Protein backbone atom coordinates (compact mmCIF):
# COMPACT_ATOMS: atom_id res chain seq x y z
CA UNK A 1 129.49 34.58 -19.65
CA UNK A 2 130.91 37.74 -18.07
CA UNK A 3 134.14 38.83 -19.71
CA UNK A 4 137.04 39.00 -17.27
CA UNK A 5 137.98 42.57 -16.38
CA UNK A 6 134.76 44.16 -17.53
CA UNK A 7 132.72 45.79 -14.81
CA UNK A 8 129.95 48.34 -14.89
CA UNK A 9 132.25 50.90 -13.27
CA UNK A 10 135.10 50.25 -15.69
CA UNK A 11 132.76 50.51 -18.67
CA UNK A 12 131.22 53.72 -17.32
CA UNK A 13 134.63 55.32 -16.82
CA UNK A 14 135.74 54.21 -20.27
CA UNK A 15 132.52 55.64 -21.68
CA UNK A 16 133.24 58.95 -19.92
CA UNK A 17 136.75 59.05 -21.39
CA UNK A 18 135.29 58.22 -24.78
CA UNK A 19 132.79 61.07 -24.39
CA UNK A 20 135.68 63.49 -23.83
CA UNK A 21 137.43 62.17 -26.93
CA UNK A 22 134.60 61.89 -29.46
CA UNK A 23 131.69 63.74 -27.88
CA UNK A 24 128.96 62.53 -25.58
CA UNK A 25 126.40 62.21 -28.39
CA UNK A 26 128.71 59.77 -30.20
CA UNK A 27 129.06 57.35 -27.28
CA UNK A 28 127.31 54.05 -27.98
CA UNK A 29 127.70 50.47 -26.84
CA UNK A 30 129.23 49.69 -30.23
CA UNK A 31 131.92 52.36 -29.73
CA UNK A 32 132.57 51.15 -26.22
CA UNK A 33 132.83 47.52 -27.37
CA UNK A 34 135.45 48.60 -29.92
CA UNK A 35 137.49 50.16 -27.11
CA UNK A 36 137.64 46.81 -25.33
CA UNK A 37 137.86 44.72 -28.49
CA UNK A 38 134.76 42.75 -27.55
CA UNK A 39 131.37 42.15 -29.09
CA UNK A 40 128.51 44.41 -28.00
CA UNK A 41 126.79 41.36 -26.52
CA UNK A 42 129.62 41.13 -23.96
CA UNK A 43 128.54 44.47 -22.52
CA UNK A 44 124.95 43.45 -21.82
CA UNK A 45 126.01 41.67 -18.62
CA UNK A 46 126.92 45.10 -17.26
CA UNK A 47 124.77 47.63 -19.14
CA UNK A 48 121.17 47.46 -20.33
CA UNK A 49 121.65 49.59 -23.44
CA UNK A 50 123.26 52.81 -24.70
CA UNK A 51 120.82 54.92 -22.65
CA UNK A 52 121.88 53.09 -19.49
CA UNK A 53 125.52 53.81 -20.35
CA UNK A 54 124.76 57.49 -20.98
CA UNK A 55 122.85 57.80 -17.73
CA UNK A 56 125.75 56.24 -15.83
CA UNK A 57 128.20 58.64 -17.51
CA UNK A 58 125.93 61.54 -16.56
CA UNK A 59 125.80 60.41 -12.94
CA UNK A 60 129.58 59.97 -12.82
CA UNK A 61 130.07 63.42 -14.34
CA UNK A 62 127.69 65.07 -11.87
CA UNK A 63 129.56 63.37 -9.01
CA UNK A 64 132.98 64.43 -10.30
CA UNK A 65 131.82 68.01 -10.83
CA UNK A 66 130.21 68.17 -7.38
CA UNK A 67 133.39 66.85 -5.76
CA UNK A 68 135.49 69.42 -7.61
CA UNK A 69 133.19 72.31 -6.70
CA UNK A 70 133.00 71.19 -3.04
CA UNK A 71 136.79 71.11 -2.80
CA UNK A 72 137.02 74.57 -4.38
CA UNK A 73 134.41 76.00 -1.99
CA UNK A 74 136.01 74.71 1.22
CA UNK A 75 136.60 77.62 3.58
CA UNK A 76 135.33 80.28 1.18
CA UNK A 77 132.45 82.73 1.42
CA UNK A 78 130.90 85.62 -0.49
CA UNK A 79 132.52 86.66 -3.73
CA UNK A 80 135.44 84.30 -3.14
CA UNK A 81 133.02 81.35 -2.96
CA UNK A 82 131.12 82.54 -6.03
CA UNK A 83 134.35 82.76 -8.05
CA UNK A 84 135.63 79.40 -6.76
CA UNK A 85 132.36 77.69 -7.70
CA UNK A 86 132.31 79.29 -11.15
CA UNK A 87 135.98 78.56 -11.85
CA UNK A 88 135.66 74.91 -10.82
CA UNK A 89 132.61 74.55 -13.07
CA UNK A 90 134.36 76.19 -16.02
CA UNK A 91 137.61 74.26 -15.54
CA UNK A 92 135.75 70.94 -15.42
CA UNK A 93 133.91 71.77 -18.64
CA UNK A 94 137.14 72.71 -20.40
CA UNK A 95 139.01 69.62 -19.20
CA UNK A 96 136.13 67.19 -19.78
CA UNK A 97 133.90 68.50 -22.57
CA UNK A 98 132.11 65.19 -23.14
CA UNK A 99 131.50 64.62 -19.45
CA UNK A 100 130.30 68.20 -19.11
CA UNK A 101 127.75 67.52 -21.86
CA UNK A 102 126.80 64.30 -20.08
CA UNK A 103 126.11 66.24 -16.86
CA UNK A 104 123.37 68.08 -18.78
CA UNK A 105 121.54 64.84 -19.69
CA UNK A 106 117.91 64.95 -18.67
CA UNK A 107 117.39 62.34 -15.98
CA UNK A 108 114.11 60.87 -14.82
CA UNK A 109 112.91 62.50 -11.57
CA UNK A 110 113.87 59.58 -9.32
CA UNK A 111 117.38 59.28 -10.76
CA UNK A 112 117.87 63.05 -10.64
CA UNK A 113 116.77 63.19 -7.00
CA UNK A 114 119.38 60.56 -6.09
CA UNK A 115 122.16 62.17 -8.14
CA UNK A 116 124.90 64.64 -7.26
CA UNK A 117 122.80 67.27 -9.03
CA UNK A 118 121.15 67.80 -5.65
CA UNK A 119 124.58 68.64 -4.19
CA UNK A 120 125.10 71.22 -6.94
CA UNK A 121 121.88 72.98 -5.98
CA UNK A 122 122.76 72.80 -2.29
CA UNK A 123 126.21 74.29 -2.88
CA UNK A 124 124.74 77.08 -4.99
CA UNK A 125 122.24 77.87 -2.25
CA UNK A 126 125.05 77.81 0.33
CA UNK A 127 126.92 80.46 -1.66
CA UNK A 128 123.77 82.55 -1.90
CA UNK A 129 123.22 82.50 1.86
CA UNK A 130 126.20 84.86 2.00
CA UNK A 131 124.17 87.33 -0.04
CA UNK A 132 121.20 87.22 2.35
CA UNK A 133 118.64 86.33 -0.32
CA UNK A 134 115.25 84.98 0.65
CA UNK A 135 112.75 83.11 -1.48
CA UNK A 136 111.84 83.47 -4.27
CA UNK A 137 114.96 85.55 -4.97
CA UNK A 138 117.22 82.68 -3.94
CA UNK A 139 115.63 80.36 -6.51
CA UNK A 140 115.87 83.07 -9.17
CA UNK A 141 119.55 83.51 -8.31
CA UNK A 142 120.25 79.75 -8.51
CA UNK A 143 118.73 79.73 -12.00
CA UNK A 144 120.58 82.88 -13.02
CA UNK A 145 123.98 81.56 -11.93
CA UNK A 146 123.42 78.21 -13.64
CA UNK A 147 122.32 79.96 -16.82
CA UNK A 148 125.23 82.40 -16.85
CA UNK A 149 127.87 79.75 -16.10
CA UNK A 150 126.49 77.24 -18.59
CA UNK A 151 125.90 79.84 -21.28
CA UNK A 152 129.35 81.34 -20.97
CA UNK A 153 131.12 77.98 -20.88
CA UNK A 154 129.13 76.67 -23.85
CA UNK A 155 129.80 79.74 -25.97
CA UNK A 156 133.47 79.77 -25.02
CA UNK A 157 133.92 76.08 -25.83
CA UNK A 158 132.23 76.60 -29.20
CA UNK A 159 134.75 79.35 -30.05
CA UNK A 160 132.19 82.13 -29.65
CA UNK A 161 134.69 84.50 -28.04
CA UNK A 162 137.68 83.85 -30.28
CA UNK A 163 136.80 86.64 -32.72
CA UNK A 164 137.75 89.54 -30.44
CA UNK A 165 140.98 90.85 -28.96
CA UNK A 166 139.51 90.94 -25.44
CA UNK A 167 140.64 87.83 -23.58
CA UNK A 168 137.76 85.60 -22.49
CA UNK A 169 139.32 85.28 -19.01
CA UNK A 170 139.04 89.05 -18.65
CA UNK A 171 135.35 88.85 -19.55
CA UNK A 172 134.86 85.93 -17.13
CA UNK A 173 136.29 87.96 -14.23
CA UNK A 174 134.16 90.97 -15.24
CA UNK A 175 131.03 88.79 -15.25
CA UNK A 176 131.81 87.31 -11.83
CA UNK A 177 132.45 90.80 -10.43
CA UNK A 178 129.14 91.96 -11.91
CA UNK A 179 127.24 88.99 -10.49
CA UNK A 180 128.71 89.69 -7.06
CA UNK A 181 127.63 93.34 -7.21
CA UNK A 182 124.17 92.36 -8.44
CA UNK A 183 123.68 89.81 -5.67
CA UNK A 184 125.02 92.10 -2.94
CA UNK A 185 122.79 94.96 -4.01
CA UNK A 186 119.60 93.03 -4.74
CA UNK A 187 116.73 94.98 -3.27
CA UNK A 188 113.20 93.85 -2.75
CA UNK A 189 110.76 95.05 -5.41
């Protein structure tokens, strides 16, 4: 029997909130069942298993992040677009650490192709069109930006920059300025 009030969407959103509270790796059907004061068996009408829940949280997180980045990018170009994209990405990670981790979950190719991850790549490429990059430089730049943003955010969230007097926001702006200069001045080998 399906428990009244439980839906796949409600469970996914609760799982995402739980991920932000306790960490994405700690989210299980057992933890989620405790949140709703139900037995784990009650969740099987809506979710196949913990992996299904984690995949759904990942897809929700990718969608939320894509929506946030798209809103930040509206009407922007060049360095302004690059900074807006990066700031939206960083802000989302800081506000939703568990969901941010979920967005990094490795998805099977079919699920990934249908996810908002595709929108992320499209938005990154749209920013890079302002820098007049052609292939394969555009692909290299997509990978570079993703690596820099993820690396910085991950180190910052782990406290990696708390040991110095230089404010991490100051470093963030310096990095974005440097990326802009690099992309504007990229010359063909």
